[in-house]
C-alpha atoms as a PDB file:
ATOM      1  CA  MET A   1       0.000   0.000   0.000  1.00  0.00           C
ATOM      2  CA  ILE A   2       1.261   3.443  -0.942  1.00  0.00           C
ATOM      3  CA  LYS A   3       0.422   6.223   1.518  1.00  0.00           C
ATOM      4  CA  TYR A   4       0.163   9.815   0.366  1.00  0.00           C
ATOM      5  CA  ILE A   5      -0.821  13.293   1.433  1.00  0.00           C
ATOM      6  CA  LEU A   6      -2.406  16.008  -0.678  1.00  0.00           C
ATOM      7  CA  LYS A   7      -0.128  18.967  -1.269  1.00  0.00           C
ATOM      8  CA  GLU A   8      -1.258  22.342  -2.507  1.00  0.00           C
ATOM      9  CA  GLN A   9       0.508  23.501  -5.634  1.00  0.00           C
ATOM     10  CA  VAL A  10       0.767  27.024  -6.998  1.00  0.00           C
ATOM     11  CA  ASN A  11       0.755  27.573 -10.756  1.00  0.00           C
ATOM     12  CA  PRO A  12       4.104  29.390 -11.248  1.00  0.00           C
ATOM     13  CA  GLN A  13       2.999  30.673 -14.668  1.00  0.00           C
ATOM     14  CA  ASP A  14      -0.234  32.146 -13.326  1.00  0.00           C
ATOM     15  CA  LEU A  15       0.006  33.178  -9.672  1.00  0.00           C
ATOM     16  CA  ALA A  16      -3.584  34.440  -9.774  1.00  0.00           C
ATOM     17  CA  ALA A  17      -4.923  31.025 -10.781  1.00  0.00           C
ATOM     18  CA  GLN A  18      -6.572  28.835  -8.198  1.00  0.00           C
ATOM     19  CA  ASN A  19      -4.133  26.517  -6.443  1.00  0.00           C
ATOM     20  CA  LYS A  20      -4.500  22.806  -7.142  1.00  0.00           C
ATOM     21  CA  PHE A  21      -3.836  19.735  -5.037  1.00  0.00           C
ATOM     22  CA  LEU A  22      -1.841  16.695  -6.007  1.00  0.00           C
ATOM     23  CA  PRO A  23      -0.934  13.490  -4.178  1.00  0.00           C
ATOM     24  CA  VAL A  24       2.609  13.232  -2.820  1.00  0.00           C
ATOM     25  CA  LYS A  25       3.925   9.866  -1.675  1.00  0.00           C
ATOM     26  CA  ILE A  26       4.909   9.723   1.966  1.00  0.00           C
ATOM     27  CA  LYS A  27       8.453   8.541   2.518  1.00  0.00           C
ATOM     28  CA  GLN A  28       8.355   5.041   3.892  1.00  0.00           C
ATOM     29  CA  GLU A  29      10.809   2.479   5.177  1.00  0.00           C
ATOM     30  CA  THR A  30      14.093   2.081   3.331  1.00  0.00           C
ATOM     31  CA  LEU A  31      15.245  -1.436   2.487  1.00  0.00           C
ATOM     32  CA  THR A  32      18.960  -2.140   2.487  1.00  0.00           C
ATOM     33  CA  LEU A  33      20.938  -4.654   0.481  1.00  0.00           C
ATOM     34  CA  ARG A  34      21.121  -6.807   3.611  1.00  0.00           C
ATOM     35  CA  ASP A  35      17.291  -6.675   3.888  1.00  0.00           C
ATOM     36  CA  PHE A  36      17.048  -7.940   0.311  1.00  0.00           C
ATOM     37  CA  ALA A  37      19.532 -10.737   1.000  1.00  0.00           C
ATOM     38  CA  LYS A  38      17.548 -11.876   4.059  1.00  0.00           C
ATOM     39  CA  ARG A  39      14.291 -11.880   2.109  1.00  0.00           C
ATOM     40  CA  ILE A  40      15.832 -13.781  -0.819  1.00  0.00           C
ATOM     41  CA  SER A  41      17.113 -16.308   1.705  1.00  0.00           C
ATOM     42  CA  ARG A  42      13.651 -16.750   3.235  1.00  0.00           C
ATOM     43  CA  GLU A  43      12.009 -17.219  -0.159  1.00  0.00           C
ATOM     44  CA  SER A  44      14.587 -19.540  -1.720  1.00  0.00           C
ATOM     45  CA  THR A  45      17.155 -22.194  -0.924  1.00  0.00           C
ATOM     46  CA  VAL A  46      19.998 -19.655  -1.090  1.00  0.00           C
ATOM     47  CA  SER A  47      21.638 -18.591   2.165  1.00  0.00           C
ATOM     48  CA  SER A  48      21.559 -14.952   3.194  1.00  0.00           C
ATOM     49  CA  MET A  49      25.349 -14.752   2.753  1.00  0.00           C
ATOM     50  CA  ASP A  50      25.179 -16.228  -0.777  1.00  0.00           C
ATOM     51  CA  ALA A  51      22.388 -13.825  -1.747  1.00  0.00           C
ATOM     52  CA  MET A  52      24.411 -10.935  -0.340  1.00  0.00           C
ATOM     53  CA  ALA A  53      27.440 -12.020  -2.384  1.00  0.00           C
ATOM     54  CA  VAL A  54      25.378 -12.053  -5.592  1.00  0.00           C
ATOM     55  CA  LEU A  55      23.837  -8.652  -4.838  1.00  0.00           C
ATOM     56  CA  GLU A  56      27.277  -7.210  -4.043  1.00  0.00           C
ATOM     57  CA  GLY A  57      28.475  -8.631  -7.358  1.00  0.00           C
ATOM     58  CA  LEU A  58      25.664  -6.832  -9.172  1.00  0.00           C
ATOM     59  CA  LEU A  59      26.632  -3.582  -7.459  1.00  0.00           C
ATOM     60  CA  GLN A  60      30.152  -3.936  -8.836  1.00  0.00           C
ATOM     61  CA  ILE A  61      29.348  -5.254 -12.306  1.00  0.00           C
ATOM     62  CA  ILE A  62      26.463  -2.964 -13.297  1.00  0.00           C
ATOM     63  CA  PRO A  63      28.379   0.347 -12.827  1.00  0.00           C
ATOM     64  CA  ASP A  64      31.440  -1.122 -14.575  1.00  0.00           C
ATOM     65  CA  GLU A  65      29.405  -2.167 -17.599  1.00  0.00           C
ATOM     66  CA  ILE A  66      27.407   1.101 -17.669  1.00  0.00           C
ATOM     67  CA  ALA A  67      30.772   2.929 -17.682  1.00  0.00           C
ATOM     68  CA  ASN A  68      31.697   0.841 -20.741  1.00  0.00           C
ATOM     69  CA  GLY A  69      28.543   2.054 -22.520  1.00  0.00           C
ATOM     70  CA  LYS A  70      26.662  -1.238 -22.265  1.00  0.00           C
ATOM     71  CA  ILE A  71      22.943  -1.742 -21.697  1.00  0.00           C
ATOM     72  CA  ILE A  72      22.202  -4.125 -18.829  1.00  0.00           C
ATOM     73  CA  LYS A  73      19.092  -6.250 -19.401  1.00  0.00           C
ATOM     74  CA  LEU A  74      18.035  -8.173 -16.298  1.00  0.00           C
ATOM     75  CA  GLY A  75      15.194 -10.315 -17.628  1.00  0.00           C
ATOM     76  CA  ASP A  76      11.822  -9.726 -15.980  1.00  0.00           C
ATOM     77  CA  PHE A  77      13.351  -7.076 -13.727  1.00  0.00           C
ATOM     78  CA  GLY A  78      14.180  -4.436 -16.315  1.00  0.00           C
ATOM     79  CA  THR A  79      16.933  -2.628 -18.164  1.00  0.00           C
ATOM     80  CA  PHE A  80      19.639  -0.175 -17.078  1.00  0.00           C
ATOM     81  CA  ARG A  81      21.094   2.162 -19.692  1.00  0.00           C
ATOM     82  CA  SER A  82      23.015   5.402 -19.701  1.00  0.00           C
ATOM     83  CA  THR A  83      22.416   8.766 -21.319  1.00  0.00           C
ATOM     84  CA  ILE A  84      24.738  11.763 -21.657  1.00  0.00           C
ATOM     85  CA  THR A  85      23.933  15.145 -20.137  1.00  0.00           C
ATOM     86  CA  SER A  86      25.421  17.963 -22.178  1.00  0.00           C
ATOM     87  CA  GLU A  87      25.136  21.529 -23.296  1.00  0.00           C
ATOM     88  CA  THR A  88      24.093  21.964 -26.922  1.00  0.00           C
ATOM     89  CA  ALA A  89      26.270  23.244 -29.750  1.00  0.00           C
ATOM     90  CA  ILE A  90      25.234  25.105 -32.884  1.00  0.00           C
ATOM     91  CA  SER A  91      27.261  22.736 -35.087  1.00  0.00           C
ATOM     92  CA  LYS A  92      29.393  19.600 -34.940  1.00  0.00           C
ATOM     93  CA  GLU A  93      32.490  21.747 -35.280  1.00  0.00           C
ATOM     94  CA  ALA A  94      31.427  24.001 -32.386  1.00  0.00           C
ATOM     95  CA  PHE A  95      30.967  21.103 -29.975  1.00  0.00           C
ATOM     96  CA  HIS A  96      33.697  20.495 -27.394  1.00  0.00           C
ATOM     97  CA  ILE A  97      33.953  17.562 -24.995  1.00  0.00           C
ATOM     98  CA  SER A  98      33.897  20.027 -22.068  1.00  0.00           C
ATOM     99  CA  GLN A  99      30.206  20.568 -22.853  1.00  0.00           C
ATOM    100  CA  ILE A 100      29.482  17.049 -21.598  1.00  0.00           C
ATOM    101  CA  LYS A 101      28.318  17.440 -18.021  1.00  0.00           C
ATOM    102  CA  GLY A 102      27.931  13.816 -17.011  1.00  0.00           C
ATOM    103  CA  LEU A 103      26.278  10.467 -17.350  1.00  0.00           C
ATOM    104  CA  ASN A 104      22.771   9.595 -16.181  1.00  0.00           C
ATOM    105  CA  VAL A 105      21.700   6.037 -15.482  1.00  0.00           C
ATOM    106  CA  ARG A 106      18.129   5.193 -16.441  1.00  0.00           C
ATOM    107  CA  PHE A 107      16.129   2.177 -15.329  1.00  0.00           C
ATOM    108  CA  ARG A 108      13.222   0.927 -17.401  1.00  0.00           C
ATOM    109  CA  PRO A 109      11.146  -1.753 -15.695  1.00  0.00           C
ATOM    110  CA  SER A 110      10.160  -4.746 -17.803  1.00  0.00           C
ATOM    111  CA  LYS A 111       6.553  -5.404 -18.791  1.00  0.00           C
ATOM    112  CA  GLU A 112       6.388  -8.157 -16.151  1.00  0.00           C
ATOM    113  CA  PHE A 113       7.733  -5.829 -13.435  1.00  0.00           C
ATOM    114  CA  THR A 114       5.269  -3.121 -14.465  1.00  0.00           C
ATOM    115  CA  LYS A 115       2.413  -5.641 -14.462  1.00  0.00           C
ATOM    116  CA  GLN A 116       3.297  -6.767 -10.927  1.00  0.00           C
ATOM    117  CA  ILE A 117       3.107  -3.231  -9.552  1.00  0.00           C
ATOM    118  CA  SER A 118      -0.010  -2.201 -11.497  1.00  0.00           C
ATOM    119  CA  HIS A 119      -2.442  -3.357  -8.793  1.00  0.00           C
ATOM    120  CA  ILE A 120      -1.187  -1.166  -5.964  1.00  0.00           C
ATOM    121  CA  ASP A 121      -3.606   0.245  -3.417  1.00  0.00           C
ATOM    122  CA  PHE A 122      -3.347   3.881  -2.381  1.00  0.00           C
ATOM    123  CA  GLN A 123      -4.359   5.329   0.986  1.00  0.00           C
ATOM    124  CA  MET A 124      -4.469   8.950   2.070  1.00  0.00           C
ATOM    125  CA  ASP A 125      -2.631   9.527   5.334  1.00  0.00           C
ATOM    126  CA  SER A 126      -4.681  11.261   7.959  1.00  0.00           C
END
């Protein structure tokens, strides 16, 4: 269940317009890598330490491969890919590598992942 509050929002382009309300998710419990390892252990035949080793491996491999420009496809979980953040240039000749500001990592959930979270209940916090 996802808990939320309603937050009043001002229209910055029209300060005279009536304010509107939108739902904002309430911050909830944070799960750590160790929490994931324990849960994997409970729901499989893998020990907590083995699950932790695999998860730690993912944390090392995924950034390495993203840094090499690869797309990481993790089956029914989803896909990690990178995009470049940069200033624009008026021509190819005018572009300089210093205009590149960094790398963003994007996650796209798979259809199966999206399907599994499509039936979530929402509850307004009082």
